[in-house]
């Protein structure tokens, strides 16, 4: 929208436009819009103080230029919190999505043939900033089938104040299968009442969970799954011909592109009995859990260290080509850069990406409400 269009919409001449005509520009509304953004250290806060009228008006006038400039274009690769329920049609919200800046809830989907889920896949999704919840999704056998490249769940806001990854009452689920998942930055794992679920204790969750609680407090709550002796055997050695995700073959540390004969790594946990230590770590009968060398922040599918600015892995050809940025990201696609701090005159958004002042002004306040499951009377009292 141009200035002429804005004036016409408001029934005013272009010369008479004033900051007061636009809620959120300069006056008491602005702190609500700005409070999710913080300025790079040394440059103050993003919010405009109400007691400086001159500063408000000056900044508000500058905002008019940004608000009514021609749109640069819509960014399709990011979404706010997504709620998927009742039908497979609602999965369309995830199309072209690379990052969910919020939570992802998938629940209450019935009367779906298992083969229908085989047609649904979102390989672009690599990061969720809050939590991932699945509840009563009948017909789904593998979460990894949906999100083969999900690498990081940050847990900035948690389900029930403590959980970043929840799988509850999934009657058809046979495996988690998220072989690209290498980090849950904050929060616990809760898996309960999934009678068909296998390959739960063949995952070293302590290797994925970063912000671990006190030793007296469990980082995982896992129970009520399929008995291990009724599940497929874990892959001790995986031949190079094993097919994973169409043309891909299992790598030494995950579901990557290398064609090598491997043996899935053994559990290195010290707080388990000897039988647990002998287990090979895997997500299913084809895919090993990705375990990086101790000197790596994260690694690629060949076990080679990525840049210290990366999370969730990187390209096999370029250690600086991160799947997810550890600290802050700028740009998208080929222009994406990972940074340790935002540059001067940029603002931190959700503590994960750097945005300009104009982007900060236009940014709506994120919704930080609790999951709607409890308010809708869904029985989670035993959760």
Protein backbone atom coordinates (compact mmCIF):
# COMPACT_ATOMS: atom_id res chain seq x y z
CA UNK A 1 0.00 0.00 0.00
CA UNK A 2 1.33 3.44 -0.94
CA UNK A 3 0.83 6.72 0.95
CA UNK A 4 -1.88 7.67 -1.57
CA UNK A 5 -3.72 4.42 -0.90
CA UNK A 6 -3.42 4.91 2.85
CA UNK A 7 -4.84 8.43 2.65
CA UNK A 8 -7.74 7.26 0.49
CA UNK A 9 -8.50 4.44 2.91
CA UNK A 10 -8.59 6.86 5.86
CA UNK A 11 -10.51 9.56 3.99
CA UNK A 12 -7.70 12.10 4.36
CA UNK A 13 -5.28 13.93 2.14
CA UNK A 14 -1.78 12.52 1.98
CA UNK A 15 -0.35 15.67 3.55
CA UNK A 16 -2.65 15.36 6.58
CA UNK A 17 -1.59 11.83 7.58
CA UNK A 18 -0.41 11.75 11.19
CA UNK A 19 1.09 9.16 13.48
CA UNK A 20 -2.07 9.18 15.61
CA UNK A 21 -3.99 7.70 12.70
CA UNK A 22 -2.15 4.40 13.05
CA UNK A 23 -2.46 2.30 16.25
CA UNK A 24 0.90 0.83 17.14
CA UNK A 25 2.89 3.72 15.68
CA UNK A 26 4.62 5.74 18.32
CA UNK A 27 2.10 6.02 21.17
CA UNK A 28 1.04 3.77 24.01
CA UNK A 29 0.31 0.85 21.66
CA UNK A 30 3.89 0.54 20.52
CA UNK A 31 5.33 -1.26 23.58
CA UNK A 32 2.91 -4.13 22.93
CA UNK A 33 4.27 -4.58 19.45
CA UNK A 34 7.89 -4.09 20.41
CA UNK A 35 8.14 -6.23 23.50
CA UNK A 36 9.18 -9.36 21.64
CA UNK A 37 12.20 -7.59 20.14
CA UNK A 38 15.31 -6.53 22.00
CA UNK A 39 18.09 -4.36 20.65
CA UNK A 40 21.67 -5.50 20.31
CA UNK A 41 23.52 -4.82 23.62
CA UNK A 42 24.70 -1.23 23.85
CA UNK A 43 21.87 0.13 21.74
CA UNK A 44 19.01 0.17 24.26
CA UNK A 45 15.57 -1.40 24.02
CA UNK A 46 13.31 -1.73 21.04
CA UNK A 47 10.24 -0.35 22.84
CA UNK A 48 9.52 3.36 22.53
CA UNK A 49 9.13 5.06 25.91
CA UNK A 50 5.81 6.81 26.40
CA UNK A 51 7.16 9.81 28.30
CA UNK A 52 9.16 11.13 25.35
CA UNK A 53 6.51 12.59 23.08
CA UNK A 54 8.92 14.12 20.59
CA UNK A 55 10.79 10.84 20.15
CA UNK A 56 7.51 8.98 19.69
CA UNK A 57 6.26 11.26 16.95
CA UNK A 58 9.59 11.26 15.13
CA UNK A 59 9.77 7.48 15.17
CA UNK A 60 6.12 7.18 14.24
CA UNK A 61 6.59 9.31 11.14
CA UNK A 62 9.43 7.09 10.04
CA UNK A 63 7.19 4.08 10.56
CA UNK A 64 4.65 5.48 8.10
CA UNK A 65 7.17 5.07 5.31
CA UNK A 66 7.66 1.41 6.21
CA UNK A 67 4.02 0.60 6.84
CA UNK A 68 2.82 2.06 3.55
CA UNK A 69 5.69 1.16 1.28
CA UNK A 70 5.13 -1.40 -1.44
CA UNK A 71 5.33 -4.91 0.09
CA UNK A 72 8.61 -6.68 -0.45
CA UNK A 73 6.92 -10.09 -0.66
CA UNK A 74 5.52 -12.81 1.54
CA UNK A 75 7.92 -15.13 3.34
CA UNK A 76 6.53 -18.64 3.13
CA UNK A 77 9.20 -20.55 5.01
CA UNK A 78 8.20 -19.47 8.55
CA UNK A 79 4.97 -20.02 10.45
CA UNK A 80 3.60 -19.03 13.82
CA UNK A 81 2.16 -21.72 16.13
CA UNK A 82 0.22 -24.35 14.19
CA UNK A 83 -2.76 -26.36 15.42
CA UNK A 84 -3.66 -29.39 13.28
CA UNK A 85 -6.77 -31.36 14.16
CA UNK A 86 -9.82 -33.33 13.00
CA UNK A 87 -8.84 -33.95 9.36
CA UNK A 88 -5.86 -34.43 7.09
CA UNK A 89 -6.80 -31.24 5.25
CA UNK A 90 -5.43 -29.21 8.14
CA UNK A 91 -1.92 -30.49 7.39
CA UNK A 92 -1.84 -28.04 4.48
CA UNK A 93 -0.86 -25.37 7.01
CA UNK A 94 2.61 -26.93 6.94
CA UNK A 95 3.24 -26.59 3.21
CA UNK A 96 6.59 -24.94 2.40
CA UNK A 97 7.29 -24.51 6.11
CA UNK A 98 10.92 -24.63 7.27
CA UNK A 99 10.61 -23.12 10.76
CA UNK A 100 7.68 -22.95 13.18
CA UNK A 101 8.17 -19.97 15.48
CA UNK A 102 5.90 -21.38 18.15
CA UNK A 103 4.40 -24.81 18.85
CA UNK A 104 3.10 -27.59 16.61
CA UNK A 105 0.09 -29.53 17.91
CA UNK A 106 -1.36 -32.46 15.96
CA UNK A 107 -4.34 -34.14 17.59
CA UNK A 108 -7.81 -35.70 17.37
CA UNK A 109 -7.64 -37.19 13.90
CA UNK A 110 -9.81 -40.31 13.50
CA UNK A 111 -11.05 -42.61 10.75
CA UNK A 112 -7.97 -42.23 8.58
CA UNK A 113 -6.52 -45.09 6.57
CA UNK A 114 -2.84 -45.64 7.34
CA UNK A 115 -1.97 -45.41 3.66
CA UNK A 116 -3.25 -41.82 3.57
CA UNK A 117 -0.44 -40.72 5.88
CA UNK A 118 2.12 -42.15 3.46
CA UNK A 119 1.17 -39.34 1.06
CA UNK A 120 1.90 -36.63 3.64
CA UNK A 121 5.46 -35.42 4.09
CA UNK A 122 7.05 -32.09 5.01
CA UNK A 123 10.79 -32.45 4.43
CA UNK A 124 11.46 -28.70 4.66
CA UNK A 125 10.63 -28.46 8.37
CA UNK A 126 13.87 -28.39 10.38
CA UNK A 127 13.06 -26.38 13.51
CA UNK A 128 10.28 -25.79 16.06
CA UNK A 129 10.94 -23.04 18.60
CA UNK A 130 8.43 -24.17 21.27
CA UNK A 131 7.15 -27.76 21.51
CA UNK A 132 5.84 -30.67 19.44
CA UNK A 133 2.69 -32.47 20.63
CA UNK A 134 0.92 -35.48 19.11
CA UNK A 135 -2.29 -36.78 20.70
CA UNK A 136 -4.79 -39.34 19.37
CA UNK A 137 -3.79 -39.25 15.72
CA UNK A 138 -5.06 -42.60 14.48
CA UNK A 139 -3.46 -44.18 11.43
CA UNK A 140 -0.05 -42.55 11.83
CA UNK A 141 2.71 -45.16 12.07
CA UNK A 142 5.82 -42.95 12.04
CA UNK A 143 6.38 -39.30 12.97
CA UNK A 144 9.56 -39.37 10.89
CA UNK A 145 7.43 -40.10 7.84
CA UNK A 146 5.92 -36.63 8.29
CA UNK A 147 9.06 -34.72 9.30
CA UNK A 148 12.20 -36.52 8.07
CA UNK A 149 14.43 -33.46 8.53
CA UNK A 150 13.20 -32.05 11.83
CA UNK A 151 16.50 -31.42 13.63
CA UNK A 152 15.85 -29.06 16.56
CA UNK A 153 13.06 -28.41 19.06
CA UNK A 154 14.09 -25.38 21.12
CA UNK A 155 11.48 -25.54 23.90
CA UNK A 156 11.32 -21.77 24.41
CA UNK A 157 7.73 -22.21 25.64
CA UNK A 158 6.75 -25.63 26.97
CA UNK A 159 3.63 -27.79 27.12
CA UNK A 160 2.34 -27.91 30.71
CA UNK A 161 5.37 -25.79 31.64
CA UNK A 162 7.86 -28.64 31.36
CA UNK A 163 7.60 -30.67 28.14
CA UNK A 164 9.03 -29.97 24.69
CA UNK A 165 8.14 -33.28 23.00
CA UNK A 166 4.92 -35.12 23.82
CA UNK A 167 3.46 -38.32 22.33
CA UNK A 168 0.25 -39.37 24.09
CA UNK A 169 -2.38 -42.01 23.27
CA UNK A 170 -1.24 -42.65 19.71
CA UNK A 171 -2.77 -46.08 19.13
CA UNK A 172 -1.32 -46.68 15.64
CA UNK A 173 2.17 -45.27 16.16
CA UNK A 174 4.88 -47.92 15.66
CA UNK A 175 8.01 -45.78 15.75
CA UNK A 176 9.08 -42.20 16.37
CA UNK A 177 11.47 -42.27 13.42
CA UNK A 178 12.77 -38.68 13.74
CA UNK A 179 16.28 -39.67 12.70
CA UNK A 180 17.33 -36.06 12.02
CA UNK A 181 16.41 -34.89 15.53
CA UNK A 182 19.62 -34.16 17.43
CA UNK A 183 18.65 -31.47 19.94
CA UNK A 184 15.85 -30.56 22.31
CA UNK A 185 17.28 -27.38 23.78
CA UNK A 186 14.95 -27.05 26.78
CA UNK A 187 12.21 -29.17 28.29
CA UNK A 188 11.41 -32.84 28.87
CA UNK A 189 10.23 -35.75 26.74
CA UNK A 190 6.87 -37.35 27.64
CA UNK A 191 5.75 -40.53 25.89
CA UNK A 192 2.78 -42.43 27.34
CA UNK A 193 -0.04 -44.81 26.36
CA UNK A 194 1.18 -45.75 22.90
CA UNK A 195 0.53 -49.52 22.80
CA UNK A 196 2.08 -50.20 19.38
CA UNK A 197 5.19 -48.05 19.80
CA UNK A 198 8.63 -49.66 19.41
CA UNK A 199 12.21 -48.30 19.35
CA UNK A 200 11.71 -46.07 22.39
CA UNK A 201 14.58 -47.22 24.59
CA UNK A 202 16.91 -47.64 21.63
CA UNK A 203 17.19 -43.84 21.63
CA UNK A 204 19.68 -42.10 23.90
CA UNK A 205 17.45 -39.20 24.95
CA UNK A 206 20.16 -37.77 27.19
CA UNK A 207 22.20 -37.18 24.06
CA UNK A 208 19.34 -35.13 22.57
CA UNK A 209 18.21 -33.25 25.67
CA UNK A 210 20.51 -30.28 26.30
CA UNK A 211 19.02 -28.45 29.28
CA UNK A 212 18.87 -31.41 31.65
CA UNK A 213 17.13 -31.12 35.00
CA UNK A 214 18.61 -32.01 38.34
CA UNK A 215 19.70 -35.63 38.65
CA UNK A 216 16.80 -36.28 41.02
CA UNK A 217 14.30 -35.13 38.40
CA UNK A 218 13.70 -37.29 35.34
CA UNK A 219 14.37 -35.74 31.96
CA UNK A 220 12.10 -38.29 30.28
CA UNK A 221 8.74 -39.80 31.19
CA UNK A 222 8.29 -42.90 29.05
CA UNK A 223 5.87 -45.75 29.75
CA UNK A 224 3.06 -47.91 28.32
CA UNK A 225 4.57 -48.91 24.98
CA UNK A 226 4.92 -52.21 23.13
CA UNK A 227 7.00 -54.90 24.88
CA UNK A 228 10.50 -55.05 23.44
CA UNK A 229 10.34 -58.76 22.68
CA UNK A 230 7.41 -58.08 20.34
CA UNK A 231 9.29 -55.39 18.39
CA UNK A 232 11.68 -55.77 15.42
CA UNK A 233 15.34 -56.33 16.20
CA UNK A 234 17.62 -53.31 16.40
CA UNK A 235 20.08 -52.91 13.50
CA UNK A 236 23.51 -53.99 14.69
CA UNK A 237 24.94 -53.70 11.21
CA UNK A 238 23.28 -51.87 8.35
CA UNK A 239 24.32 -52.85 4.80
CA UNK A 240 25.00 -50.04 2.36
CA UNK A 241 22.17 -51.23 0.14
CA UNK A 242 19.52 -50.52 2.76
CA UNK A 243 17.16 -47.92 1.38
CA UNK A 244 16.14 -45.03 3.58
CA UNK A 245 13.88 -42.17 2.52
CA UNK A 246 13.69 -43.22 -1.13
CA UNK A 247 17.18 -42.91 -2.65
CA UNK A 248 19.07 -42.28 0.58
CA UNK A 249 21.15 -44.89 2.36
CA UNK A 250 21.98 -45.16 6.02
CA UNK A 251 25.14 -43.37 7.13
CA UNK A 252 27.35 -44.14 10.08
CA UNK A 253 25.59 -41.60 12.25
CA UNK A 254 22.15 -41.08 10.73
CA UNK A 255 19.92 -41.07 7.71
CA UNK A 256 22.27 -39.29 5.33
CA UNK A 257 23.64 -39.93 1.87
CA UNK A 258 26.81 -41.91 2.50
CA UNK A 259 26.98 -45.52 1.28
CA UNK A 260 28.90 -47.32 3.97
CA UNK A 261 28.49 -50.47 5.99
CA UNK A 262 27.86 -49.39 9.55
CA UNK A 263 27.00 -50.64 12.98
CA UNK A 264 24.69 -48.40 14.96
CA UNK A 265 26.50 -46.89 17.96
CA UNK A 266 26.07 -48.50 21.33
CA UNK A 267 24.58 -46.74 24.33
CA UNK A 268 27.22 -44.84 26.28
CA UNK A 269 24.92 -44.06 29.19
CA UNK A 270 26.39 -44.70 32.62
CA UNK A 271 23.08 -44.75 34.50
CA UNK A 272 21.71 -47.92 32.89
CA UNK A 273 22.28 -51.61 33.51
CA UNK A 274 24.61 -53.73 31.41
CA UNK A 275 21.87 -54.97 29.08
CA UNK A 276 20.95 -51.38 28.20
CA UNK A 277 24.59 -50.50 27.52
CA UNK A 278 24.77 -53.23 24.91
CA UNK A 279 21.88 -51.81 22.93
CA UNK A 280 22.54 -50.24 19.57
CA UNK A 281 21.02 -46.80 19.23
CA UNK A 282 18.47 -46.46 16.46
CA UNK A 283 15.17 -44.83 15.51
CA UNK A 284 13.90 -47.90 13.67
CA UNK A 285 15.23 -51.02 11.98
CA UNK A 286 16.82 -48.96 9.18
CA UNK A 287 18.09 -45.75 10.77
CA UNK A 288 20.70 -45.27 13.47
CA UNK A 289 20.65 -42.47 15.98
CA UNK A 290 23.07 -39.71 15.04
CA UNK A 291 25.86 -39.55 17.62
CA UNK A 292 28.53 -36.94 16.94
CA UNK A 293 32.15 -36.97 18.18
CA UNK A 294 32.64 -35.40 21.61
CA UNK A 295 34.59 -32.48 20.15
CA UNK A 296 31.71 -31.45 17.85
CA UNK A 297 28.82 -29.13 18.62
CA UNK A 298 27.04 -31.02 15.87
CA UNK A 299 28.13 -33.00 12.82
CA UNK A 300 27.10 -33.95 9.31
CA UNK A 301 25.93 -37.39 8.24
CA UNK A 302 29.54 -38.53 7.82
CA UNK A 303 30.39 -37.72 11.43
CA UNK A 304 32.46 -34.65 10.51
CA UNK A 305 32.21 -31.58 12.73
CA UNK A 306 30.09 -28.65 11.59
CA UNK A 307 30.73 -25.01 12.41
CA UNK A 308 30.23 -24.10 16.06
CA UNK A 309 27.42 -21.81 14.85
CA UNK A 310 25.35 -24.81 13.71
CA UNK A 311 22.71 -26.98 15.34
CA UNK A 312 21.15 -30.13 13.95
CA UNK A 313 23.91 -30.84 11.46
CA UNK A 314 25.20 -29.32 8.25
CA UNK A 315 25.86 -30.15 4.64
CA UNK A 316 28.32 -32.96 3.95
CA UNK A 317 30.08 -30.60 1.53
CA UNK A 318 30.18 -27.44 3.64
CA UNK A 319 30.53 -27.32 7.46
CA UNK A 320 29.21 -23.73 7.43
CA UNK A 321 25.97 -24.70 5.67
CA UNK A 322 23.96 -25.24 8.84
CA UNK A 323 20.59 -26.97 9.01
CA UNK A 324 19.71 -24.73 11.97
CA UNK A 325 21.59 -21.78 13.44
CA UNK A 326 22.67 -22.22 17.05
CA UNK A 327 22.40 -18.55 18.01
CA UNK A 328 20.95 -16.18 15.43
CA UNK A 329 20.04 -16.35 11.78
CA UNK A 330 19.81 -13.63 9.14
CA UNK A 331 18.25 -14.00 5.73
CA UNK A 332 16.60 -17.04 4.17
CA UNK A 333 17.44 -19.67 1.60
CA UNK A 334 20.82 -19.17 -0.06
CA UNK A 335 21.19 -15.84 1.76
CA UNK A 336 20.87 -17.39 5.22
CA UNK A 337 23.75 -16.68 7.60
CA UNK A 338 24.38 -17.96 11.10
CA UNK A 339 25.71 -15.40 13.59
CA UNK A 340 26.75 -15.43 17.23
CA UNK A 341 25.27 -11.96 17.82
CA UNK A 342 23.03 -9.66 15.82
CA UNK A 343 24.82 -6.76 14.10
CA UNK A 344 24.42 -3.20 15.35
CA UNK A 345 21.05 -1.65 14.46
CA UNK A 346 19.40 -5.07 14.25
CA UNK A 347 16.96 -6.55 16.75
CA UNK A 348 16.70 -10.01 18.31
CA UNK A 349 13.41 -11.74 17.59
CA UNK A 350 12.46 -14.77 19.70
CA UNK A 351 16.13 -14.97 20.57
CA UNK A 352 16.79 -16.78 17.28
CA UNK A 353 16.87 -14.34 14.35
CA UNK A 354 18.01 -10.82 13.59
CA UNK A 355 15.50 -8.42 12.09
CA UNK A 356 15.53 -4.79 10.99
CA UNK A 357 13.77 -1.98 12.81
CA UNK A 358 10.99 -1.91 10.21
CA UNK A 359 10.47 -5.66 10.56
CA UNK A 360 10.30 -5.27 14.32
CA UNK A 361 7.66 -2.54 14.05
CA UNK A 362 5.47 -4.69 11.81
CA UNK A 363 5.86 -7.83 13.91
CA UNK A 364 2.64 -8.86 15.68
CA UNK A 365 2.87 -9.93 19.29
CA UNK A 366 3.25 -13.75 19.43
CA UNK A 367 0.43 -15.75 20.97
CA UNK A 368 1.69 -17.33 24.19
CA UNK A 369 -1.38 -19.19 25.34
CA UNK A 370 -1.40 -22.65 26.88
CA UNK A 371 -2.45 -25.54 24.71
CA UNK A 372 -6.19 -25.66 24.13
CA UNK A 373 -6.41 -29.36 24.97
CA UNK A 374 -7.26 -28.92 28.63
CA UNK A 375 -9.74 -26.09 28.04
CA UNK A 376 -11.63 -28.30 25.59
CA UNK A 377 -12.15 -30.99 28.20
CA UNK A 378 -9.75 -33.52 26.70
CA UNK A 379 -8.82 -35.94 29.53
CA UNK A 380 -5.18 -35.22 30.30
CA UNK A 381 -5.51 -35.44 34.07
CA UNK A 382 -3.29 -38.52 34.14
CA UNK A 383 -0.72 -36.94 31.86
